[in-house]
């Protein structure tokens, strides 16, 4: 007789780290590390202001700005992104994917779609929807607590 685990940070973390390990293995042959995946996904929809990238990546991955600058520099150095793309001195510098960056991001998106199809295949839609709502709420609460902690 198997017992149903209690929903807590450990269970959520185990799911996160197992999924992350699979994503890291899928991204590695493309020459991309985990922290670069989010930046590539954000940039996939067109040029993005560096300030927006900084905020998005620090808030999502819970890393400092120095790590984000490192990630963005590695994308530029690898020829996956280019910037700044602003044409006037008044605009915030933007970063954009190169053709190689778009191809790499598409490869990652395909790998994620394949992983998701396998990992979530037999989960009933109502249970998946409930899990998504619960995890979104937990994330919002954790982010609120993090925001309340002095830097």
Protein backbone atom coordinates (compact mmCIF):
# COMPACT_ATOMS: atom_id res chain seq x y z
CA UNK A 1 0.00 0.00 0.00
CA UNK A 2 1.54 3.30 -1.06
CA UNK A 3 0.99 6.48 0.88
CA UNK A 4 0.20 9.81 -0.71
CA UNK A 5 3.00 12.29 0.02
CA UNK A 6 2.25 15.50 1.84
CA UNK A 7 2.45 18.59 -0.35
CA UNK A 8 5.41 20.55 0.97
CA UNK A 9 8.59 22.23 -0.18
CA UNK A 10 10.48 18.94 -0.27
CA UNK A 11 8.01 17.30 -2.66
CA UNK A 12 7.86 20.43 -4.83
CA UNK A 13 11.66 20.72 -4.78
CA UNK A 14 12.15 17.09 -5.76
CA UNK A 15 9.86 17.56 -8.76
CA UNK A 16 11.66 20.78 -9.69
CA UNK A 17 15.16 19.32 -9.46
CA UNK A 18 14.26 16.12 -11.31
CA UNK A 19 12.67 18.14 -14.11
CA UNK A 20 15.55 20.63 -14.13
CA UNK A 21 18.07 17.78 -14.48
CA UNK A 22 16.20 16.52 -17.53
CA UNK A 23 16.10 20.02 -19.03
CA UNK A 24 19.82 20.53 -18.36
CA UNK A 25 20.60 17.27 -20.16
CA UNK A 26 18.41 18.29 -23.10
CA UNK A 27 20.01 21.76 -23.31
CA UNK A 28 23.64 20.63 -22.92
CA UNK A 29 24.05 19.30 -26.49
CA UNK A 30 22.83 22.71 -27.70
CA UNK A 31 25.63 24.36 -25.71
CA UNK A 32 23.23 26.03 -23.30
CA UNK A 33 23.23 26.01 -19.50
CA UNK A 34 20.10 26.10 -17.38
CA UNK A 35 20.21 29.80 -16.49
CA UNK A 36 20.54 30.70 -20.18
CA UNK A 37 17.33 28.86 -21.06
CA UNK A 38 15.09 31.46 -19.40
CA UNK A 39 16.91 34.34 -21.10
CA UNK A 40 16.57 32.64 -24.49
CA UNK A 41 12.86 32.08 -23.89
CA UNK A 42 12.29 35.72 -22.90
CA UNK A 43 14.22 36.92 -25.96
CA UNK A 44 12.33 34.58 -28.32
CA UNK A 45 9.50 37.11 -28.70
CA UNK A 46 11.77 39.91 -29.89
CA UNK A 47 14.29 42.40 -28.52
CA UNK A 48 14.02 43.03 -24.78
CA UNK A 49 15.36 45.84 -22.64
CA UNK A 50 18.26 44.73 -20.48
CA UNK A 51 16.52 46.13 -17.39
CA UNK A 52 13.48 43.94 -18.08
CA UNK A 53 15.72 40.89 -18.57
CA UNK A 54 17.51 41.62 -15.30
CA UNK A 55 14.22 41.88 -13.40
CA UNK A 56 12.66 38.85 -15.06
CA UNK A 57 15.61 36.53 -14.55
CA UNK A 58 16.51 37.64 -11.01
CA UNK A 59 12.90 37.32 -9.90
CA UNK A 60 12.32 33.96 -11.57
CA UNK A 61 15.61 32.19 -10.81
CA UNK A 62 16.27 34.01 -7.51
CA UNK A 63 19.80 34.91 -8.58
CA UNK A 64 21.62 38.22 -8.23
CA UNK A 65 22.16 40.75 -11.01
CA UNK A 66 25.81 39.76 -11.36
CA UNK A 67 24.73 36.24 -12.38
CA UNK A 68 22.27 37.66 -14.91
CA UNK A 69 24.97 39.89 -16.41
CA UNK A 70 27.18 36.80 -16.68
CA UNK A 71 24.41 34.81 -18.38
CA UNK A 72 23.68 37.60 -20.87
CA UNK A 73 27.39 38.04 -21.63
CA UNK A 74 27.75 34.30 -22.30
CA UNK A 75 24.80 34.43 -24.72
CA UNK A 76 26.40 37.32 -26.60
CA UNK A 77 29.85 35.67 -26.56
CA UNK A 78 28.34 32.44 -27.92
CA UNK A 79 26.67 34.33 -30.77
CA UNK A 80 23.17 33.49 -29.50
CA UNK A 81 22.23 37.09 -28.67
CA UNK A 82 23.29 40.55 -29.73
CA UNK A 83 22.86 43.99 -28.32
CA UNK A 84 22.31 46.76 -27.80
CA UNK A 85 19.77 47.09 -30.58
CA UNK A 86 18.53 50.60 -29.78
CA UNK A 87 18.93 53.08 -32.60
CA UNK A 88 18.78 56.25 -30.55
CA UNK A 89 20.66 57.22 -27.44
CA UNK A 90 17.35 57.78 -25.62
CA UNK A 91 16.27 54.15 -25.73
CA UNK A 92 17.13 51.55 -23.13
CA UNK A 93 19.64 49.10 -24.64
CA UNK A 94 17.92 45.97 -25.88
CA UNK A 95 19.17 42.47 -26.37
CA UNK A 96 17.93 40.30 -29.24
CA UNK A 97 18.46 36.75 -30.40
CA UNK A 98 20.62 36.09 -33.42
CA UNK A 99 19.52 33.57 -36.05
CA UNK A 100 21.61 30.98 -34.20
CA UNK A 101 19.95 32.02 -30.94
CA UNK A 102 16.49 31.56 -32.45
CA UNK A 103 17.44 28.10 -33.73
CA UNK A 104 18.85 27.16 -30.31
CA UNK A 105 15.75 28.45 -28.52
CA UNK A 106 13.51 26.47 -30.89
CA UNK A 107 15.55 23.35 -30.07
CA UNK A 108 15.08 23.97 -26.36
CA UNK A 109 11.34 24.61 -26.82
CA UNK A 110 11.02 21.32 -28.70
CA UNK A 111 12.91 19.48 -25.97
CA UNK A 112 10.68 21.03 -23.28
CA UNK A 113 7.53 20.12 -25.23
CA UNK A 114 8.77 16.54 -25.54
CA UNK A 115 9.64 16.34 -21.83
CA UNK A 116 6.30 17.84 -20.84
CA UNK A 117 4.40 15.41 -23.04
CA UNK A 118 6.13 12.49 -21.34
CA UNK A 119 6.05 13.79 -17.76
CA UNK A 120 2.45 15.03 -17.73
CA UNK A 121 0.96 12.47 -20.12
CA UNK A 122 -1.39 10.57 -17.80
CA UNK A 123 -2.31 13.36 -15.40
CA UNK A 124 -6.02 14.20 -15.68
CA UNK A 125 -6.65 17.79 -16.78
CA UNK A 126 -8.55 18.71 -13.60
CA UNK A 127 -5.71 17.44 -11.40
CA UNK A 128 -3.10 19.28 -13.48
CA UNK A 129 -5.17 22.45 -13.26
CA UNK A 130 -5.48 22.12 -9.48
CA UNK A 131 -1.75 21.49 -9.13
CA UNK A 132 -0.99 24.56 -11.26
CA UNK A 133 -3.27 26.75 -9.12
CA UNK A 134 -1.75 25.46 -5.87
CA UNK A 135 1.84 25.86 -7.06
CA UNK A 136 1.10 29.36 -8.39
CA UNK A 137 -0.33 30.32 -5.00
CA UNK A 138 2.66 28.86 -3.16
CA UNK A 139 5.01 30.77 -5.49
CA UNK A 140 3.11 34.03 -4.91
CA UNK A 141 3.24 33.58 -1.14
CA UNK A 142 6.95 32.70 -1.16
CA UNK A 143 7.70 35.71 -3.37
CA UNK A 144 5.74 37.97 -1.02
CA UNK A 145 7.74 36.67 1.94
CA UNK A 146 11.01 37.15 0.04
CA UNK A 147 10.01 40.73 -0.79
CA UNK A 148 9.34 41.43 2.89
CA UNK A 149 12.85 40.33 3.94
CA UNK A 150 15.28 43.27 4.06
CA UNK A 151 18.08 42.95 1.52
